[in-house]
């Protein structure tokens, strides 16, 4: 699921759009590039998110999967592009 867009279904951030930047034992790590940066992603249960079956661009997804450096402005840009295409 790393590299997919997701919305929060529960919590004070319900309805917020994020990019899944990591996974671990029933939890995902989410970043929006603004409040939740790549250095401090939000840890959230998989049950509390709705995965959107669209991914960020291929290059960014490869870098997320390869655990290479990804910057906040790239996450913000990916979210902006997704919202513009909706």
C-alpha atoms as a PDB file:
ATOM      1  CA  UNK A   1       0.000   0.000   0.000  1.00  0.00           C
ATOM      2  CA  UNK A   2       2.983   2.319   0.219  1.00  0.00           C
ATOM      3  CA  UNK A   3       2.553   5.106  -2.314  1.00  0.00           C
ATOM      4  CA  UNK A   4      -1.245   5.018  -2.334  1.00  0.00           C
ATOM      5  CA  UNK A   5      -3.446   7.925  -1.327  1.00  0.00           C
ATOM      6  CA  UNK A   6      -5.682   7.459   1.718  1.00  0.00           C
ATOM      7  CA  UNK A   7      -8.226   9.416   3.707  1.00  0.00           C
ATOM      8  CA  UNK A   8      -8.623   9.239   7.443  1.00  0.00           C
ATOM      9  CA  UNK A   9     -11.947   7.723   8.567  1.00  0.00           C
ATOM     10  CA  UNK A  10     -11.556   8.184  12.317  1.00  0.00           C
ATOM     11  CA  UNK A  11     -10.016  10.602  14.754  1.00  0.00           C
ATOM     12  CA  UNK A  12      -9.698  14.369  14.831  1.00  0.00           C
ATOM     13  CA  UNK A  13      -8.229  14.298  11.309  1.00  0.00           C
ATOM     14  CA  UNK A  14     -11.191  12.436   9.746  1.00  0.00           C
ATOM     15  CA  UNK A  15     -11.532  13.298   6.072  1.00  0.00           C
ATOM     16  CA  UNK A  16      -7.918  14.418   5.651  1.00  0.00           C
ATOM     17  CA  UNK A  17      -6.017  13.242   2.583  1.00  0.00           C
ATOM     18  CA  UNK A  18      -2.607  11.617   3.037  1.00  0.00           C
ATOM     19  CA  UNK A  19      -0.027   9.548   1.183  1.00  0.00           C
ATOM     20  CA  UNK A  20       0.889   6.186   2.721  1.00  0.00           C
ATOM     21  CA  UNK A  21       4.654   6.369   3.234  1.00  0.00           C
ATOM     22  CA  UNK A  22       5.197   3.148   5.192  1.00  0.00           C
ATOM     23  CA  UNK A  23       3.590   0.037   6.708  1.00  0.00           C
ATOM     24  CA  UNK A  24       4.147  -2.004   9.853  1.00  0.00           C
ATOM     25  CA  UNK A  25       2.091  -4.718  11.646  1.00  0.00           C
ATOM     26  CA  UNK A  26      -1.452  -3.494  10.999  1.00  0.00           C
ATOM     27  CA  UNK A  27      -0.451   0.160  10.990  1.00  0.00           C
ATOM     28  CA  UNK A  28       0.404   2.588   8.228  1.00  0.00           C
ATOM     29  CA  UNK A  29       2.444   5.764   8.298  1.00  0.00           C
ATOM     30  CA  UNK A  30       0.814   8.761   6.653  1.00  0.00           C
ATOM     31  CA  UNK A  31       2.224  12.068   5.462  1.00  0.00           C
ATOM     32  CA  UNK A  32       0.592  15.142   3.961  1.00  0.00           C
ATOM     33  CA  UNK A  33       3.824  17.109   3.566  1.00  0.00           C
ATOM     34  CA  UNK A  34       2.492  19.903   5.777  1.00  0.00           C
ATOM     35  CA  UNK A  35       1.334  19.060   9.278  1.00  0.00           C
ATOM     36  CA  UNK A  36       2.583  15.497   9.021  1.00  0.00           C
ATOM     37  CA  UNK A  37       6.014  15.688   7.473  1.00  0.00           C
ATOM     38  CA  UNK A  38       8.173  12.844   6.229  1.00  0.00           C
ATOM     39  CA  UNK A  39      10.267  13.158   9.386  1.00  0.00           C
ATOM     40  CA  UNK A  40       7.180  12.796  11.598  1.00  0.00           C
ATOM     41  CA  UNK A  41       4.540  10.725   9.766  1.00  0.00           C
ATOM     42  CA  UNK A  42       1.247   9.875  11.449  1.00  0.00           C
ATOM     43  CA  UNK A  43       0.935   6.273  12.644  1.00  0.00           C
ATOM     44  CA  UNK A  44      -2.621   5.083  12.113  1.00  0.00           C
ATOM     45  CA  UNK A  45      -4.420   1.747  12.228  1.00  0.00           C
ATOM     46  CA  UNK A  46      -5.379   0.335   8.832  1.00  0.00           C
ATOM     47  CA  UNK A  47      -8.959   0.104  10.075  1.00  0.00           C
ATOM     48  CA  UNK A  48      -9.079   3.875  10.477  1.00  0.00           C
ATOM     49  CA  UNK A  49      -8.165   4.778   6.904  1.00  0.00           C
ATOM     50  CA  UNK A  50      -9.846   4.454   3.523  1.00  0.00           C
ATOM     51  CA  UNK A  51      -7.302   3.541   0.852  1.00  0.00           C
ATOM     52  CA  UNK A  52      -7.849   5.264  -2.479  1.00  0.00           C
ATOM     53  CA  UNK A  53      -6.878   3.008  -5.373  1.00  0.00           C
ATOM     54  CA  UNK A  54      -4.650   5.642  -6.952  1.00  0.00           C
ATOM     55  CA  UNK A  55      -0.937   5.982  -6.440  1.00  0.00           C
ATOM     56  CA  UNK A  56       1.518   8.824  -6.560  1.00  0.00           C
ATOM     57  CA  UNK A  57       3.667   8.986  -9.704  1.00  0.00           C
ATOM     58  CA  UNK A  58       5.850   5.974 -10.455  1.00  0.00           C
ATOM     59  CA  UNK A  59       9.179   7.619  -9.586  1.00  0.00           C
ATOM     60  CA  UNK A  60       7.954   8.832  -6.193  1.00  0.00           C
ATOM     61  CA  UNK A  61       6.445   5.430  -5.408  1.00  0.00           C
ATOM     62  CA  UNK A  62       9.732   3.675  -6.269  1.00  0.00           C
ATOM     63  CA  UNK A  63      11.585   6.018  -3.916  1.00  0.00           C
ATOM     64  CA  UNK A  64       9.054   5.417  -1.123  1.00  0.00           C
ATOM     65  CA  UNK A  65       9.327   1.642  -1.551  1.00  0.00           C
ATOM     66  CA  UNK A  66      13.121   1.814  -1.736  1.00  0.00           C
ATOM     67  CA  UNK A  67      13.235   3.971   1.407  1.00  0.00           C
ATOM     68  CA  UNK A  68      15.109   6.684  -0.465  1.00  0.00           C
ATOM     69  CA  UNK A  69      14.845  10.355   0.473  1.00  0.00           C
ATOM     70  CA  UNK A  70      11.434  11.875  -0.253  1.00  0.00           C
ATOM     71  CA  UNK A  71      10.792  15.512   0.559  1.00  0.00           C
ATOM     72  CA  UNK A  72       7.680  17.160   1.964  1.00  0.00           C
ATOM     73  CA  UNK A  73       7.226  19.375  -1.089  1.00  0.00           C
ATOM     74  CA  UNK A  74       7.021  16.237  -3.269  1.00  0.00           C
ATOM     75  CA  UNK A  75       4.242  14.816  -1.083  1.00  0.00           C
ATOM     76  CA  UNK A  76       2.379  18.156  -1.149  1.00  0.00           C
ATOM     77  CA  UNK A  77       2.732  18.307  -4.942  1.00  0.00           C
ATOM     78  CA  UNK A  78       1.415  14.735  -5.354  1.00  0.00           C
ATOM     79  CA  UNK A  79      -1.643  15.543  -3.216  1.00  0.00           C
ATOM     80  CA  UNK A  80      -2.207  18.778  -5.140  1.00  0.00           C
ATOM     81  CA  UNK A  81      -2.034  16.888  -8.466  1.00  0.00           C
ATOM     82  CA  UNK A  82      -4.473  14.239  -7.204  1.00  0.00           C
ATOM     83  CA  UNK A  83      -6.986  16.861  -6.042  1.00  0.00           C
ATOM     84  CA  UNK A  84      -6.721  18.754  -9.343  1.00  0.00           C
ATOM     85  CA  UNK A  85      -7.445  15.558 -11.309  1.00  0.00           C
ATOM     86  CA  UNK A  86     -10.563  14.689  -9.307  1.00  0.00           C
END
